[in-house]
C-alpha atoms as a PDB file:
ATOM      1  CA  MET A   1     124.453  96.701  99.204  1.00  0.00           C
ATOM      2  CA  GLY A   2     126.792  96.623 102.141  1.00  0.00           C
ATOM      3  CA  ALA A   3     129.878  97.920 100.702  1.00  0.00           C
ATOM      4  CA  LEU A   4     128.096 101.322  99.271  1.00  0.00           C
ATOM      5  CA  SER A   5     126.460 102.033 102.147  1.00  0.00           C
ATOM      6  CA  ASP A   6     130.102 101.719 103.485  1.00  0.00           C
ATOM      7  CA  ARG A   7     131.359 104.046 101.173  1.00  0.00           C
ATOM      8  CA  LEU A   8     129.281 106.234 100.836  1.00  0.00           C
ATOM      9  CA  THR A   9     128.883 106.987 105.364  1.00  0.00           C
ATOM     10  CA  ALA A  10     132.216 107.534 104.042  1.00  0.00           C
ATOM     11  CA  VAL A  11     132.522 110.505 102.206  1.00  0.00           C
ATOM     12  CA  GLN A  12     129.651 111.788 103.513  1.00  0.00           C
ATOM     13  CA  ASP A  13     130.814 115.528 104.756  1.00  0.00           C
ATOM     14  CA  LYS A  14     132.520 116.260 102.130  1.00  0.00           C
ATOM     15  CA  TYR A  15     129.661 115.473  99.861  1.00  0.00           C
ATOM     16  CA  PRO A  16     126.279 116.185 102.082  1.00  0.00           C
ATOM     17  CA  VAL A  17     124.390 116.824  99.145  1.00  0.00           C
ATOM     18  CA  GLY A  18     125.738 113.531  96.811  1.00  0.00           C
ATOM     19  CA  VAL A  19     125.484 110.879  99.212  1.00  0.00           C
ATOM     20  CA  ALA A  20     121.954 112.339 100.286  1.00  0.00           C
ATOM     21  CA  LEU A  21     120.376 112.461  96.269  1.00  0.00           C
ATOM     22  CA  ILE A  22     122.540 108.860  95.144  1.00  0.00           C
ATOM     23  CA  ARG A  23     120.752 107.724  99.197  1.00  0.00           C
ATOM     24  CA  PHE A  24     117.738 108.799  97.025  1.00  0.00           C
ATOM     25  CA  LEU A  25     117.684 107.298  94.601  1.00  0.00           C
ATOM     26  CA  MET A  26     119.005 103.966  96.014  1.00  0.00           C
ATOM     27  CA  LEU A  27     114.780 104.657  97.556  1.00  0.00           C
ATOM     28  CA  ILE A  28     112.561 105.848  94.712  1.00  0.00           C
ATOM     29  CA  PRO A  29     112.555 105.330  90.538  1.00  0.00           C
ATOM     30  CA  ALA A  30     113.197 108.699  89.606  1.00  0.00           C
ATOM     31  CA  ARG A  31     115.710 109.477  86.464  1.00  0.00           C
ATOM     32  CA  GLY A  32     118.964 111.215  88.361  1.00  0.00           C
ATOM     33  CA  ILE A  33     117.782 114.692  86.505  1.00  0.00           C
ATOM     34  CA  GLU A  34     114.336 114.512  87.966  1.00  0.00           C
ATOM     35  CA  ALA A  35     116.169 114.758  90.787  1.00  0.00           C
ATOM     36  CA  ARG A  36     118.070 116.424  90.248  1.00  0.00           C
ATOM     37  CA  GLU A  37     115.738 119.072  88.943  1.00  0.00           C
ATOM     38  CA  MET A  38     112.874 118.383  92.054  1.00  0.00           C
ATOM     39  CA  ARG A  39     111.406 121.365  92.780  1.00  0.00           C
ATOM     40  CA  TRP A  40     109.435 121.970  95.989  1.00  0.00           C
ATOM     41  CA  ALA A  41     106.545 122.963  94.952  1.00  0.00           C
ATOM     42  CA  ASP A  42     106.149 118.937  93.625  1.00  0.00           C
ATOM     43  CA  LEU A  43     105.762 117.996  97.025  1.00  0.00           C
ATOM     44  CA  ASP A  44     102.746 117.345  99.159  1.00  0.00           C
ATOM     45  CA  LEU A  45     104.665 116.902 102.381  1.00  0.00           C
ATOM     46  CA  THR A  46     100.974 115.738 103.492  1.00  0.00           C
ATOM     47  CA  ALA A  47      99.867 113.994 100.937  1.00  0.00           C
ATOM     48  CA  ALA A  48     103.877 111.910 101.136  1.00  0.00           C
ATOM     49  CA  THR A  49     104.073 112.075  96.710  1.00  0.00           C
ATOM     50  CA  TRP A  50     105.544 113.863  94.451  1.00  0.00           C
ATOM     51  CA  THR A  51     104.457 114.910  90.854  1.00  0.00           C
ATOM     52  CA  ILE A  52     106.675 115.489  88.400  1.00  0.00           C
ATOM     53  CA  PRO A  53     105.588 117.398  86.353  1.00  0.00           C
ATOM     54  CA  ALA A  54     104.617 116.894  82.417  1.00  0.00           C
ATOM     55  CA  ALA A  55     107.568 119.069  80.347  1.00  0.00           C
ATOM     56  CA  ARG A  56     110.315 118.308  82.705  1.00  0.00           C
ATOM     57  CA  TYR A  57     109.709 114.156  82.798  1.00  0.00           C
ATOM     58  CA  LYS A  58     111.703 112.389  79.650  1.00  0.00           C
ATOM     59  CA  ASN A  59     108.544 112.290  77.578  1.00  0.00           C
ATOM     60  CA  ARG A  60     106.382 114.616  78.703  1.00  0.00           C
END
């Protein structure tokens, strides 16, 4: 994973949102579409949880 991390660092200034999304997806077990459609209302920062509403989840 070192090479990937180096490559992401190299393009971070040009694609900051894309790099942030890729790094985020590397840390969580979610599909890309779920991460792209995430809303602030889905996050509970106090409990450090992210709840994906059934309507946006693959299997509903």
